[in-house]
Amino acid sequence: ATTGMAGGRILVTGAARGIGRAVAGILVHRGHPVVAIDRDFSRSDLPAEVERLEVDLREFVDRPSAHALAERVGDISALINNAGSLHCPSPDRLVTHGDLGFASDQIDDIVSVNLRAPVALTEAFAPQWARRAAAGDEGTIGGRVVNVGSVGAFTGHPDLWYGATKAALLNATKTLAAMLGPHGIVVNAVAPGPTRTAMYAKLPQSRKDRVLA
């Protein structure tokens, strides 16, 4: 089978820092043109050759906007859905106030970034990958998707909506893999554990202590 990946252009979301920044740097080192998406690159040390698109993925979760973004990006050989959102309310509120401490806009933010945007972007890029696979030899891979989940999808997560959306993303990965595989599109996921990133820095110290224990 032809992978279609050699030197291919790759889109990485949430690429200004953390895991996304590390992935983008590795891809550049391996000779791939990289398009990076994030809300703010002002403090990012991405390699100069990385193409940057400063957009808010929460605005690209419906079909028209996701397809418009795909047209803006152009041809890519792979999509790495790395962007993530997390909020850290106190779990004590569940028994003291009868709620988990999430505001409605916080829930919408987490669901949009962690689940809806990855699915919407995969939908938007799927036609170009399918056409590429169909135009190649038998077994040609037209495109690839890597969804960045979390070990919290398996263990549960104190930020309930973060863990729930990461679990849903893994389920979506399986579904999309079954749907798109016959069309020459490979969909996979990874599930990192706690990593020292800006998101990790947002955690309460008590939670960090448990992670490091």
Protein backbone atom coordinates (compact mmCIF):
# COMPACT_ATOMS: atom_id res chain seq x y z
CA ALA A 1 0.00 0.00 0.00
CA THR A 2 1.10 3.57 -0.67
CA THR A 3 1.02 5.65 2.50
CA GLY A 4 0.84 9.05 0.84
CA MET A 5 2.72 10.47 3.85
CA ALA A 6 6.26 11.00 2.58
CA GLY A 7 6.83 14.72 2.98
CA GLY A 8 3.07 15.29 3.08
CA ARG A 9 1.55 18.47 4.47
CA ILE A 10 0.11 17.93 7.96
CA LEU A 11 -2.37 19.97 10.00
CA VAL A 12 -1.89 20.04 13.79
CA THR A 13 -4.48 21.69 16.03
CA GLY A 14 -3.54 23.15 19.40
CA ALA A 15 0.01 23.46 18.10
CA ALA A 16 1.25 26.63 19.81
CA ARG A 17 2.50 24.79 22.88
CA GLY A 18 2.54 21.52 24.78
CA ILE A 19 2.05 18.23 22.97
CA GLY A 20 0.95 19.95 19.77
CA ARG A 21 4.08 22.09 19.69
CA ALA A 22 6.28 19.02 20.24
CA VAL A 23 4.51 17.08 17.49
CA ALA A 24 4.78 19.97 15.03
CA GLY A 25 8.50 20.27 15.73
CA ILE A 26 9.10 16.57 15.15
CA LEU A 27 7.14 16.64 11.89
CA VAL A 28 9.15 19.61 10.60
CA HIS A 29 12.36 17.81 11.53
CA ARG A 30 11.17 14.82 9.48
CA GLY A 31 10.57 16.97 6.42
CA HIS A 32 6.82 17.60 6.57
CA PRO A 33 5.29 20.99 5.81
CA VAL A 34 3.15 21.74 8.87
CA VAL A 35 0.06 23.92 9.27
CA ALA A 36 -0.51 24.86 12.91
CA ILE A 37 -3.86 25.95 14.32
CA ASP A 38 -4.23 27.65 17.68
CA ARG A 39 -5.95 30.61 19.27
CA ASP A 40 -2.74 32.46 20.14
CA PHE A 41 0.80 32.08 18.83
CA SER A 42 2.23 35.16 20.58
CA ARG A 43 4.27 33.08 23.03
CA SER A 44 4.90 30.09 20.79
CA ASP A 45 8.39 29.01 19.75
CA LEU A 46 7.27 26.97 16.75
CA PRO A 47 9.87 26.60 13.99
CA ALA A 48 9.77 29.54 11.59
CA GLU A 49 8.79 27.35 8.63
CA VAL A 50 5.51 26.29 10.26
CA GLU A 51 2.46 27.91 8.69
CA ARG A 52 0.27 29.40 11.42
CA LEU A 53 -3.50 29.88 11.38
CA GLU A 54 -4.75 31.78 14.42
CA VAL A 55 -8.34 30.62 14.77
CA ASP A 56 -10.68 29.55 17.56
CA LEU A 57 -11.83 25.98 16.92
CA ARG A 58 -15.01 26.64 18.88
CA GLU A 59 -16.15 28.62 15.84
CA PHE A 60 -15.63 25.69 13.44
CA VAL A 61 -17.82 22.93 14.83
CA ASP A 62 -20.65 23.06 12.28
CA ARG A 63 -20.46 21.79 8.72
CA PRO A 64 -20.29 25.11 6.80
CA SER A 65 -17.58 26.65 8.99
CA ALA A 66 -15.51 23.45 9.15
CA HIS A 67 -15.64 23.08 5.37
CA ALA A 68 -14.66 26.74 4.96
CA LEU A 69 -11.65 26.16 7.21
CA ALA A 70 -10.69 23.06 5.21
CA GLU A 71 -10.79 25.10 2.00
CA ARG A 72 -8.62 27.75 3.65
CA VAL A 73 -6.09 25.14 4.74
CA GLY A 74 -6.01 23.33 1.39
CA ASP A 75 -4.54 19.92 0.69
CA ILE A 76 -3.13 17.95 3.62
CA SER A 77 -2.06 14.35 4.00
CA ALA A 78 -2.87 14.09 7.70
CA LEU A 79 -4.85 15.77 10.46
CA ILE A 80 -3.72 15.64 14.08
CA ASN A 81 -6.61 16.64 16.34
CA ASN A 82 -4.61 17.67 19.39
CA ALA A 83 -6.38 20.80 20.68
CA GLY A 84 -8.03 20.32 24.04
CA SER A 85 -9.92 22.26 26.67
CA LEU A 86 -10.20 21.63 30.41
CA HIS A 87 -11.75 23.42 33.39
CA CYS A 88 -11.07 22.63 37.04
CA PRO A 89 -14.06 23.25 39.32
CA SER A 90 -14.01 21.90 42.86
CA PRO A 91 -15.51 18.39 43.06
CA ASP A 92 -16.70 19.29 46.57
CA ARG A 93 -19.55 21.28 45.02
CA LEU A 94 -21.24 18.04 44.01
CA VAL A 95 -22.18 17.21 47.60
CA THR A 96 -22.38 20.75 48.96
CA HIS A 97 -24.27 22.50 46.15
CA GLY A 98 -25.67 19.66 44.07
CA ASP A 99 -23.67 20.46 40.95
CA LEU A 100 -20.23 19.77 39.48
CA GLY A 101 -19.29 23.44 39.35
CA PHE A 102 -19.28 23.87 35.58
CA ALA A 103 -20.85 26.92 33.98
CA SER A 104 -22.82 26.19 30.81
CA ASP A 105 -20.30 28.05 28.65
CA GLN A 106 -17.48 25.96 30.12
CA ILE A 107 -19.26 22.73 29.19
CA ASP A 108 -19.89 24.07 25.68
CA ASP A 109 -16.20 25.02 25.40
CA ILE A 110 -14.98 21.55 26.40
CA VAL A 111 -17.42 19.68 24.15
CA SER A 112 -16.72 21.95 21.18
CA VAL A 113 -12.93 21.78 21.33
CA ASN A 114 -12.47 18.19 22.51
CA LEU A 115 -15.15 16.44 20.48
CA ARG A 116 -17.13 18.48 17.97
CA ALA A 117 -14.16 20.17 16.29
CA PRO A 118 -12.18 16.95 15.68
CA VAL A 119 -15.23 15.26 14.17
CA ALA A 120 -16.15 18.32 12.08
CA LEU A 121 -12.62 18.69 10.71
CA THR A 122 -12.43 14.99 9.85
CA GLU A 123 -15.72 15.30 7.98
CA ALA A 124 -14.48 18.37 6.12
CA PHE A 125 -11.20 16.84 4.94
CA ALA A 126 -12.54 13.35 4.19
CA PRO A 127 -13.61 14.09 0.58
CA GLN A 128 -10.14 15.23 -0.51
CA TRP A 129 -8.54 12.17 1.07
CA ALA A 130 -11.05 9.82 -0.53
CA ARG A 131 -10.42 11.37 -3.96
CA ARG A 132 -6.66 11.01 -3.50
CA ALA A 133 -7.01 7.35 -2.52
CA ALA A 134 -9.33 6.64 -5.44
CA ALA A 135 -6.89 8.25 -7.87
CA GLY A 136 -3.96 6.13 -6.70
CA ASP A 137 -3.07 2.49 -7.02
CA GLU A 138 -4.99 -0.15 -5.13
CA GLY A 139 -4.25 0.17 -1.41
CA THR A 140 -3.27 3.86 -1.59
CA ILE A 141 -3.87 5.70 1.65
CA GLY A 142 -5.37 9.07 0.84
CA GLY A 143 -5.21 10.59 4.31
CA ARG A 144 -4.73 9.96 7.99
CA VAL A 145 -6.28 11.23 11.20
CA VAL A 146 -4.73 11.00 14.66
CA ASN A 147 -7.03 11.99 17.52
CA VAL A 148 -5.30 12.87 20.78
CA GLY A 149 -7.40 11.40 23.56
CA SER A 150 -6.41 10.92 27.18
CA VAL A 151 -5.78 8.10 29.62
CA GLY A 152 -8.60 9.79 31.56
CA ALA A 153 -10.98 8.37 28.97
CA PHE A 154 -10.34 4.95 30.53
CA THR A 155 -9.82 5.83 34.20
CA GLY A 156 -12.29 8.66 34.68
CA HIS A 157 -11.23 12.26 35.21
CA PRO A 158 -11.97 14.81 37.98
CA ASP A 159 -12.98 17.23 35.21
CA LEU A 160 -15.96 15.09 34.27
CA TRP A 161 -16.61 16.79 30.94
CA TYR A 162 -12.96 16.54 29.90
CA GLY A 163 -12.90 12.80 30.60
CA ALA A 164 -16.30 12.26 29.00
CA THR A 165 -15.38 14.09 25.80
CA LYS A 166 -12.06 12.24 25.53
CA ALA A 167 -13.89 8.92 25.94
CA ALA A 168 -16.38 10.03 23.27
CA LEU A 169 -13.47 10.99 20.99
CA LEU A 170 -12.07 7.47 21.26
CA ASN A 171 -15.48 6.07 20.38
CA ALA A 172 -15.74 8.48 17.45
CA THR A 173 -12.29 7.34 16.31
CA LYS A 174 -13.49 3.74 16.08
CA THR A 175 -16.64 4.75 14.22
CA LEU A 176 -14.81 7.00 11.76
CA ALA A 177 -12.15 4.36 11.19
CA ALA A 178 -14.83 1.88 10.18
CA MET A 179 -16.58 4.41 7.96
CA LEU A 180 -13.50 5.85 6.24
CA GLY A 181 -11.17 2.85 6.12
CA PRO A 182 -12.80 1.36 3.00
CA HIS A 183 -12.16 4.70 1.27
CA GLY A 184 -8.42 4.73 1.93
CA ILE A 185 -8.47 6.89 5.06
CA VAL A 186 -6.78 5.71 8.26
CA VAL A 187 -8.14 6.98 11.60
CA ASN A 188 -6.29 6.29 14.85
CA ALA A 189 -6.05 7.70 18.36
CA VAL A 190 -3.48 8.02 21.13
CA ALA A 191 -4.19 8.45 24.83
CA PRO A 192 -1.42 10.34 26.67
CA GLY A 193 -1.15 10.38 30.42
CA PRO A 194 -0.48 13.51 32.50
CA THR A 195 2.03 15.72 30.68
CA ARG A 196 3.65 18.94 31.91
CA THR A 197 1.93 21.44 29.63
CA ALA A 198 0.03 24.70 30.08
CA MET A 199 -3.13 22.64 30.58
CA TYR A 200 -1.41 20.66 33.34
CA ALA A 201 -0.39 23.95 34.95
CA LYS A 202 -4.07 24.86 35.35
CA LEU A 203 -4.67 21.91 37.68
CA PRO A 204 -5.09 22.59 41.41
CA GLN A 205 -1.98 21.70 43.39
CA SER A 206 -3.84 18.95 45.23
CA ARG A 207 -4.54 17.22 41.93
CA LYS A 208 -0.94 17.61 40.76
CA ASP A 209 0.21 16.04 44.02
CA ARG A 210 -1.99 12.99 43.35
CA VAL A 211 -0.67 12.69 39.79
CA LEU A 212 2.94 12.76 40.96
CA ALA A 213 2.40 10.49 43.95
